[in-house]
Amino acid sequence: MIYITTFSISIFFAFFSENLKNRFAKIGMLFLSMLPLLLIGGLKDTTVGADTMAYPFTSFTWAQGYVPISEYLDGEMIEPLYVLIVWFIVHFIGNDFQSVLFFTNAFIVVFFYLGFYRYRKFAPLPYAVFLFCFLFYNNFLSMTRQGMAEALVFWGSSYLVLEKKWIPFVITTVIAFFIHKSAVAALLMVPCIYIHNRKLNNWIVIGVIFVFLAYSTVMKYFVSFDMFDKYEQYQTGEDYEGFFSITEFAIRGVLLTSIVLLIQKGKMDDLYKSIVTIFICEFVFNLFQVYSRFMGRIGYYYYVMYLAMVPHFTWKIGKKKWKGLSLFVIVATSIAIWWWVYIENQSANTYPYVSKILGIQ
């Protein structure tokens, strides 16, 4: 199967790069790790991905129709930076939809790998690549715009977590906001991680739970702002009617439980407490989907933090006697849920994979 083969090659090169001390050799191995993901994501057919022919194709056709960029950006378009990127691709790289698919997919993969590289001493890189492949990649073959925003937020989070520099994180999040407005939710990580205050973290959790309970009232106020008015359709559901996903609940339960139960008591520092706060908030955000199908996506900017935090807390500093078991459980659960969601139930329409360019039918 193309996905299993691609993921295996990517994880293998990421594993091989882990112990390389030469910087250029490590970067070379990481490029080889990225390459299969770049190819199958960028050279896929338009039938792969539920959202491929939605915003991406609409932006592409509008970019073809508007040569002066001022006319293009003045139209009733979606987030301006995304359409600007598409306009640039169409007018300077390739006037075909395949070029848009290739370079937007490359944007996602490259910025995630830049994040992996910055986190490399904090979290084992092969573990992070594994989680990226099985928990995220198929979804990004469909929801390109939010994937680009999540990639920027993840990369920017390394400055916040590793160096407590909130300004680079805020800047990258603002840039991500102009690709997908939901990225504004990621700013909640600043007080959680930068301030490291237990009482503040508790109030943040309480606030998120309150928003969940008062969803209808909060959404009416939220969409009253012009820049968020397109989310009005998420208030009552309609085409986006709510549902409860057992698989998403299960994977979050496994990941969060592994962090809470396997960490050494002596390692429960301020960062650990802040990260647990973030994942509790993400757990609640994911439950927003019971109100409207896509509102659970607002928590994805917190969900991507598992890519660094699961390897760090369960493998890097977790209890030694439980490392092997925790690794097995997380790996097995991730693969099982990936198979069930994307292969058996064909979620996001990424299976079967088709690429005429690669000769895969």
Protein backbone atom coordinates (compact mmCIF):
# COMPACT_ATOMS: atom_id res chain seq x y z
CA MET A 1 0.00 0.00 0.00
CA ILE A 2 1.29 3.41 -0.99
CA TYR A 3 0.66 5.07 2.38
CA ILE A 4 2.36 2.37 4.46
CA THR A 5 5.34 2.35 2.11
CA THR A 6 5.63 6.14 2.16
CA PHE A 7 5.31 6.40 5.94
CA SER A 8 7.84 3.60 6.47
CA ILE A 9 10.44 5.29 4.26
CA SER A 10 9.89 8.66 5.98
CA ILE A 11 10.17 7.15 9.47
CA PHE A 12 13.27 5.13 8.46
CA PHE A 13 15.21 8.19 7.27
CA ALA A 14 14.06 10.18 10.31
CA PHE A 15 15.33 7.36 12.54
CA PHE A 16 18.62 7.24 10.64
CA SER A 17 19.10 10.99 11.06
CA GLU A 18 18.62 10.84 14.84
CA ASN A 19 22.22 9.93 15.70
CA LEU A 20 23.97 11.89 12.96
CA LYS A 21 26.15 14.61 14.44
CA ASN A 22 27.05 16.36 11.20
CA ARG A 23 24.48 19.08 10.67
CA PHE A 24 24.45 18.85 6.88
CA ALA A 25 24.14 15.06 6.96
CA LYS A 26 21.21 15.34 9.37
CA ILE A 27 19.48 17.89 7.16
CA GLY A 28 20.08 15.64 4.15
CA MET A 29 18.46 12.68 5.90
CA LEU A 30 15.52 14.85 6.92
CA PHE A 31 15.05 15.90 3.30
CA LEU A 32 14.98 12.22 2.28
CA SER A 33 12.43 11.69 5.05
CA MET A 34 10.27 14.50 3.66
CA LEU A 35 10.58 13.50 0.02
CA PRO A 36 7.99 10.66 -0.07
CA LEU A 37 5.46 12.87 1.74
CA LEU A 38 6.13 15.71 -0.70
CA LEU A 39 5.60 13.44 -3.68
CA ILE A 40 2.40 11.62 -2.75
CA GLY A 41 0.85 14.79 -1.36
CA GLY A 42 1.90 17.09 -4.17
CA LEU A 43 1.29 14.71 -7.07
CA LYS A 44 -2.07 13.32 -5.98
CA ASP A 45 -5.11 13.52 -8.26
CA THR A 46 -7.86 16.02 -7.52
CA THR A 47 -10.11 13.16 -6.38
CA VAL A 48 -7.90 12.63 -3.31
CA GLY A 49 -9.08 14.78 -0.42
CA ALA A 50 -12.63 15.85 0.40
CA ASP A 51 -11.76 19.57 0.28
CA THR A 52 -9.37 19.51 -2.67
CA MET A 53 -11.95 20.86 -5.12
CA ALA A 54 -13.37 23.38 -2.63
CA TYR A 55 -11.32 26.39 -1.47
CA PRO A 56 -8.07 25.34 -3.20
CA PHE A 57 -9.67 24.98 -6.64
CA THR A 58 -11.85 28.07 -6.18
CA SER A 59 -8.78 30.11 -5.26
CA PHE A 60 -6.93 28.69 -8.27
CA THR A 61 -9.67 29.63 -10.76
CA TRP A 62 -10.00 33.13 -9.28
CA ALA A 63 -6.23 33.57 -9.43
CA GLN A 64 -6.35 32.78 -13.14
CA GLY A 65 -9.10 35.35 -13.68
CA TYR A 66 -7.46 38.23 -11.81
CA VAL A 67 -4.05 39.21 -13.13
CA PRO A 68 -3.65 42.49 -11.14
CA ILE A 69 -3.13 41.34 -7.58
CA SER A 70 -5.07 44.32 -6.18
CA GLU A 71 -8.21 43.13 -7.99
CA TYR A 72 -7.66 39.61 -6.72
CA LEU A 73 -7.36 40.62 -3.06
CA ASP A 74 -10.27 43.09 -3.26
CA GLY A 75 -12.69 40.35 -4.23
CA GLU A 76 -14.96 38.59 -1.76
CA MET A 77 -12.36 36.00 -0.99
CA ILE A 78 -11.35 33.84 1.91
CA GLU A 79 -8.29 34.55 4.07
CA PRO A 80 -6.00 36.90 2.08
CA LEU A 81 -2.62 35.25 2.66
CA TYR A 82 -3.81 31.90 1.34
CA VAL A 83 -5.19 33.43 -1.85
CA LEU A 84 -2.03 35.52 -2.19
CA ILE A 85 0.07 32.33 -2.02
CA VAL A 86 -2.14 30.69 -4.67
CA TRP A 87 -1.95 33.83 -6.85
CA PHE A 88 1.85 33.79 -6.60
CA ILE A 89 2.01 30.09 -7.55
CA VAL A 90 -0.29 30.59 -10.54
CA HIS A 91 1.49 33.66 -11.93
CA PHE A 92 5.13 32.86 -11.13
CA ILE A 93 5.50 29.08 -10.77
CA GLY A 94 2.91 27.19 -12.79
CA ASN A 95 -0.50 28.08 -14.19
CA ASP A 96 -2.01 24.70 -13.36
CA PHE A 97 -3.85 23.28 -10.36
CA GLN A 98 -1.22 20.56 -9.83
CA SER A 99 1.34 23.27 -9.00
CA VAL A 100 -1.01 24.65 -6.33
CA LEU A 101 -1.45 21.18 -4.82
CA PHE A 102 2.29 20.52 -4.84
CA PHE A 103 3.47 23.75 -3.27
CA THR A 104 0.73 24.02 -0.63
CA ASN A 105 1.44 20.42 0.42
CA ALA A 106 5.17 21.25 0.49
CA PHE A 107 4.40 24.25 2.72
CA ILE A 108 2.73 21.94 5.26
CA VAL A 109 5.41 19.25 5.25
CA VAL A 110 8.38 21.64 5.31
CA PHE A 111 7.14 23.77 8.21
CA PHE A 112 6.29 20.70 10.28
CA TYR A 113 9.77 19.34 9.65
CA LEU A 114 11.28 22.68 10.59
CA GLY A 115 9.42 22.29 13.86
CA PHE A 116 10.70 18.72 14.27
CA TYR A 117 14.25 19.94 13.69
CA ARG A 118 13.96 22.67 16.31
CA TYR A 119 12.41 20.20 18.78
CA ARG A 120 14.99 17.48 18.01
CA LYS A 121 16.81 17.69 21.38
CA PHE A 122 13.51 18.03 23.23
CA ALA A 123 11.64 15.18 21.52
CA PRO A 124 13.00 12.16 19.58
CA LEU A 125 12.56 13.05 15.93
CA PRO A 126 11.57 9.60 14.53
CA TYR A 127 8.77 9.37 17.09
CA ALA A 128 7.45 12.79 16.04
CA VAL A 129 7.58 11.85 12.33
CA PHE A 130 5.70 8.62 13.08
CA LEU A 131 2.90 10.50 14.84
CA PHE A 132 2.79 13.05 12.03
CA CYS A 133 2.37 10.33 9.41
CA PHE A 134 -0.32 8.30 11.14
CA LEU A 135 -2.28 10.95 13.03
CA PHE A 136 -2.12 13.98 10.72
CA TYR A 137 -0.88 13.47 7.20
CA ASN A 138 -4.00 12.01 5.57
CA ASN A 139 -6.08 14.80 7.00
CA PHE A 140 -3.75 17.39 5.48
CA LEU A 141 -4.26 15.82 2.05
CA SER A 142 -7.79 17.18 2.36
CA MET A 143 -7.87 20.32 4.51
CA THR A 144 -4.93 22.19 2.97
CA ARG A 145 -5.56 25.71 4.30
CA GLN A 146 -5.87 24.72 7.93
CA GLY A 147 -2.97 22.33 7.51
CA MET A 148 -0.79 25.25 6.42
CA ALA A 149 -1.92 27.27 9.44
CA GLU A 150 -1.26 24.35 11.81
CA ALA A 151 2.22 23.87 10.35
CA LEU A 152 3.10 27.50 11.05
CA VAL A 153 1.70 27.33 14.58
CA PHE A 154 3.63 24.13 15.34
CA TRP A 155 6.89 25.63 14.09
CA GLY A 156 6.27 28.83 16.03
CA SER A 157 5.46 26.85 19.19
CA SER A 158 9.08 25.70 19.38
CA TYR A 159 10.12 29.28 20.22
CA LEU A 160 7.49 29.45 22.96
CA VAL A 161 8.25 26.04 24.49
CA LEU A 162 12.02 25.85 24.13
CA GLU A 163 13.02 29.48 24.60
CA LYS A 164 9.96 31.12 26.19
CA LYS A 165 9.91 33.63 23.35
CA TRP A 166 6.29 34.60 22.90
CA ILE A 167 6.82 37.25 20.21
CA PRO A 168 7.96 34.83 17.43
CA PHE A 169 5.05 32.55 18.32
CA VAL A 170 2.52 35.37 18.16
CA ILE A 171 3.94 36.58 14.84
CA THR A 172 3.72 33.12 13.25
CA THR A 173 0.21 32.67 14.64
CA VAL A 174 -0.92 36.01 13.20
CA ILE A 175 0.51 34.95 9.83
CA ALA A 176 -1.35 31.63 10.19
CA PHE A 177 -4.53 33.60 10.98
CA PHE A 178 -4.41 35.13 7.48
CA ILE A 179 -4.26 31.62 6.04
CA HIS A 180 -7.04 30.21 8.23
CA LYS A 181 -8.82 32.41 10.76
CA SER A 182 -9.27 29.59 13.26
CA ALA A 183 -5.55 29.95 14.09
CA VAL A 184 -6.52 32.75 16.48
CA ALA A 185 -7.40 30.00 18.98
CA ALA A 186 -3.70 29.10 19.24
CA LEU A 187 -2.96 32.37 21.08
CA LEU A 188 -4.38 30.79 24.22
CA MET A 189 -1.09 28.87 24.45
CA VAL A 190 0.79 32.06 25.28
CA PRO A 191 -0.57 32.53 28.82
CA CYS A 192 -0.48 28.76 29.41
CA ILE A 193 3.18 28.26 28.52
CA TYR A 194 4.79 31.69 28.89
CA ILE A 195 3.38 32.64 32.28
CA HIS A 196 3.37 29.19 33.95
CA ASN A 197 0.78 30.09 36.57
CA ARG A 198 -1.28 27.25 38.01
CA LYS A 199 -4.23 29.45 39.02
CA LEU A 200 -4.28 31.08 35.58
CA ASN A 201 -4.20 27.66 33.93
CA ASN A 202 -7.14 26.54 36.05
CA TRP A 203 -9.12 29.61 35.02
CA ILE A 204 -8.29 28.93 31.37
CA VAL A 205 -9.68 25.40 31.66
CA ILE A 206 -12.79 26.72 33.41
CA GLY A 207 -13.22 29.33 30.68
CA VAL A 208 -12.99 26.72 27.90
CA ILE A 209 -15.53 24.50 29.66
CA PHE A 210 -17.84 27.51 30.07
CA VAL A 211 -17.59 28.25 26.33
CA PHE A 212 -18.50 24.63 25.64
CA LEU A 213 -21.56 24.76 27.90
CA ALA A 214 -22.67 28.16 26.58
CA TYR A 215 -21.81 27.36 22.96
CA SER A 216 -24.90 28.87 21.30
CA THR A 217 -24.65 32.19 23.14
CA VAL A 218 -20.90 32.49 22.62
CA MET A 219 -21.16 31.68 18.90
CA LYS A 220 -23.82 34.36 18.35
CA TYR A 221 -21.48 36.95 19.85
CA PHE A 222 -18.44 35.53 18.00
CA VAL A 223 -20.01 35.72 14.53
CA SER A 224 -21.25 39.25 15.17
CA PHE A 225 -17.74 40.38 14.15
CA ASP A 226 -17.49 40.81 10.40
CA MET A 227 -14.24 38.89 10.06
CA PHE A 228 -15.83 35.80 11.65
CA ASP A 229 -19.29 36.02 10.09
CA LYS A 230 -18.67 33.04 7.80
CA TYR A 231 -18.75 30.81 10.89
CA GLU A 232 -22.43 31.65 11.37
CA GLN A 233 -23.32 28.38 9.68
CA TYR A 234 -21.61 26.54 12.56
CA GLN A 235 -24.17 27.80 15.09
CA THR A 236 -26.99 25.43 14.28
CA GLY A 237 -25.26 22.76 12.25
CA GLU A 238 -27.39 22.27 9.12
CA ASP A 239 -24.84 20.95 6.59
CA TYR A 240 -22.34 20.82 9.44
CA GLU A 241 -24.54 19.00 11.93
CA GLY A 242 -22.83 17.73 15.05
CA PHE A 243 -21.60 14.23 15.76
CA PHE A 244 -19.49 12.39 18.31
CA SER A 245 -16.36 10.59 17.11
CA ILE A 246 -15.41 7.58 19.22
CA THR A 247 -12.07 7.24 17.40
CA GLU A 248 -11.02 10.85 18.05
CA PHE A 249 -12.11 10.49 21.67
CA ALA A 250 -10.08 7.27 21.96
CA ILE A 251 -6.82 8.57 20.47
CA ARG A 252 -6.94 11.70 22.62
CA GLY A 253 -7.65 9.55 25.65
CA VAL A 254 -4.62 7.36 24.95
CA LEU A 255 -2.25 10.27 24.26
CA LEU A 256 -3.34 12.38 27.22
CA THR A 257 -3.37 9.39 29.59
CA SER A 258 0.14 8.43 28.52
CA ILE A 259 1.41 11.88 29.44
CA VAL A 260 -0.46 12.03 32.74
CA LEU A 261 0.32 8.52 34.02
CA LEU A 262 3.83 7.81 32.73
CA ILE A 263 5.64 11.00 33.70
CA GLN A 264 8.03 10.81 36.62
CA LYS A 265 6.83 12.77 39.66
CA GLY A 266 10.09 14.66 39.86
CA LYS A 267 9.59 15.86 36.29
CA MET A 268 6.18 17.44 36.86
CA ASP A 269 7.49 20.97 36.44
CA ASP A 270 5.69 24.13 35.31
CA LEU A 271 6.03 23.20 31.65
CA TYR A 272 4.41 19.83 32.27
CA LYS A 273 1.48 21.42 34.09
CA SER A 274 1.03 23.97 31.32
CA ILE A 275 1.09 21.29 28.62
CA VAL A 276 -1.49 19.21 30.48
CA THR A 277 -3.66 22.35 30.65
CA ILE A 278 -3.33 22.77 26.88
CA PHE A 279 -4.33 19.18 26.19
CA ILE A 280 -7.31 19.35 28.54
CA CYS A 281 -8.45 22.42 26.60
CA GLU A 282 -7.88 20.56 23.32
CA PHE A 283 -9.93 17.64 24.63
CA VAL A 284 -12.85 20.01 25.31
CA PHE A 285 -12.38 21.86 22.00
CA ASN A 286 -12.63 18.55 20.18
CA LEU A 287 -16.00 17.96 21.84
CA PHE A 288 -17.29 21.11 20.10
CA GLN A 289 -18.02 18.81 17.17
CA VAL A 290 -21.13 17.59 19.01
CA TYR A 291 -22.59 21.03 18.22
CA SER A 292 -21.27 21.40 14.67
CA ARG A 293 -19.21 18.99 12.60
CA PHE A 294 -16.23 21.24 11.93
CA MET A 295 -16.04 23.23 15.16
CA GLY A 296 -13.87 20.53 16.71
CA ARG A 297 -11.16 21.71 14.32
CA ILE A 298 -10.53 24.76 16.47
CA GLY A 299 -8.59 22.51 18.82
CA TYR A 300 -6.27 21.16 16.11
CA TYR A 301 -3.69 23.86 16.91
CA TYR A 302 -3.38 22.28 20.36
CA TYR A 303 -3.62 18.75 18.99
CA VAL A 304 -0.47 19.21 16.87
CA MET A 305 1.46 19.81 20.10
CA TYR A 306 1.22 16.07 20.76
CA LEU A 307 3.86 15.69 18.02
CA ALA A 308 6.48 17.11 20.37
CA MET A 309 4.98 16.44 23.79
CA VAL A 310 4.21 12.72 23.52
CA PRO A 311 7.82 11.90 22.52
CA HIS A 312 9.16 14.23 25.20
CA PHE A 313 7.06 13.24 28.20
CA THR A 314 6.53 9.54 27.55
CA TRP A 315 9.77 8.56 25.87
CA LYS A 316 12.38 11.15 26.72
CA ILE A 317 11.70 11.56 30.45
CA GLY A 318 8.98 9.03 31.20
CA LYS A 319 9.40 6.10 33.58
CA LYS A 320 12.03 3.78 32.12
CA LYS A 321 10.21 0.55 32.93
CA TRP A 322 7.10 1.75 31.07
CA LYS A 323 8.75 3.27 28.01
CA GLY A 324 8.54 0.14 25.88
CA LEU A 325 4.94 -0.55 26.82
CA SER A 326 3.87 3.07 26.28
CA LEU A 327 5.61 3.13 22.91
CA PHE A 328 3.85 -0.08 21.85
CA VAL A 329 0.40 1.11 23.00
CA ILE A 330 0.70 4.51 21.30
CA VAL A 331 2.12 3.05 18.08
CA ALA A 332 -0.48 0.27 17.91
CA THR A 333 -3.36 2.62 18.71
CA SER A 334 -2.21 5.21 16.16
CA ILE A 335 -1.90 2.65 13.38
CA ALA A 336 -5.22 0.99 14.25
CA ILE A 337 -7.11 4.28 14.32
CA TRP A 338 -5.41 5.48 11.11
CA TRP A 339 -6.48 2.26 9.40
CA TRP A 340 -10.02 2.42 10.72
CA VAL A 341 -10.57 6.12 9.97
CA TYR A 342 -8.80 6.60 6.63
CA ILE A 343 -8.78 3.14 5.05
CA GLU A 344 -11.87 1.32 6.30
CA ASN A 345 -14.15 4.35 6.57
CA GLN A 346 -12.36 6.44 3.91
CA SER A 347 -12.57 9.60 6.00
CA ALA A 348 -11.43 12.74 4.18
CA ASN A 349 -11.57 10.80 0.89
CA THR A 350 -7.83 10.11 0.84
CA TYR A 351 -8.24 6.39 0.10
CA PRO A 352 -7.95 4.86 -2.40
CA TYR A 353 -4.95 6.97 -3.39
CA VAL A 354 -4.77 7.94 -7.06
CA SER A 355 -1.99 9.72 -8.97
CA LYS A 356 -1.82 9.65 -12.74
CA ILE A 357 1.59 11.36 -12.58
CA LEU A 358 3.02 8.59 -10.39
CA GLY A 359 1.16 5.91 -12.32
CA ILE A 360 -0.94 4.87 -9.31
CA GLN A 361 -4.56 4.13 -10.22
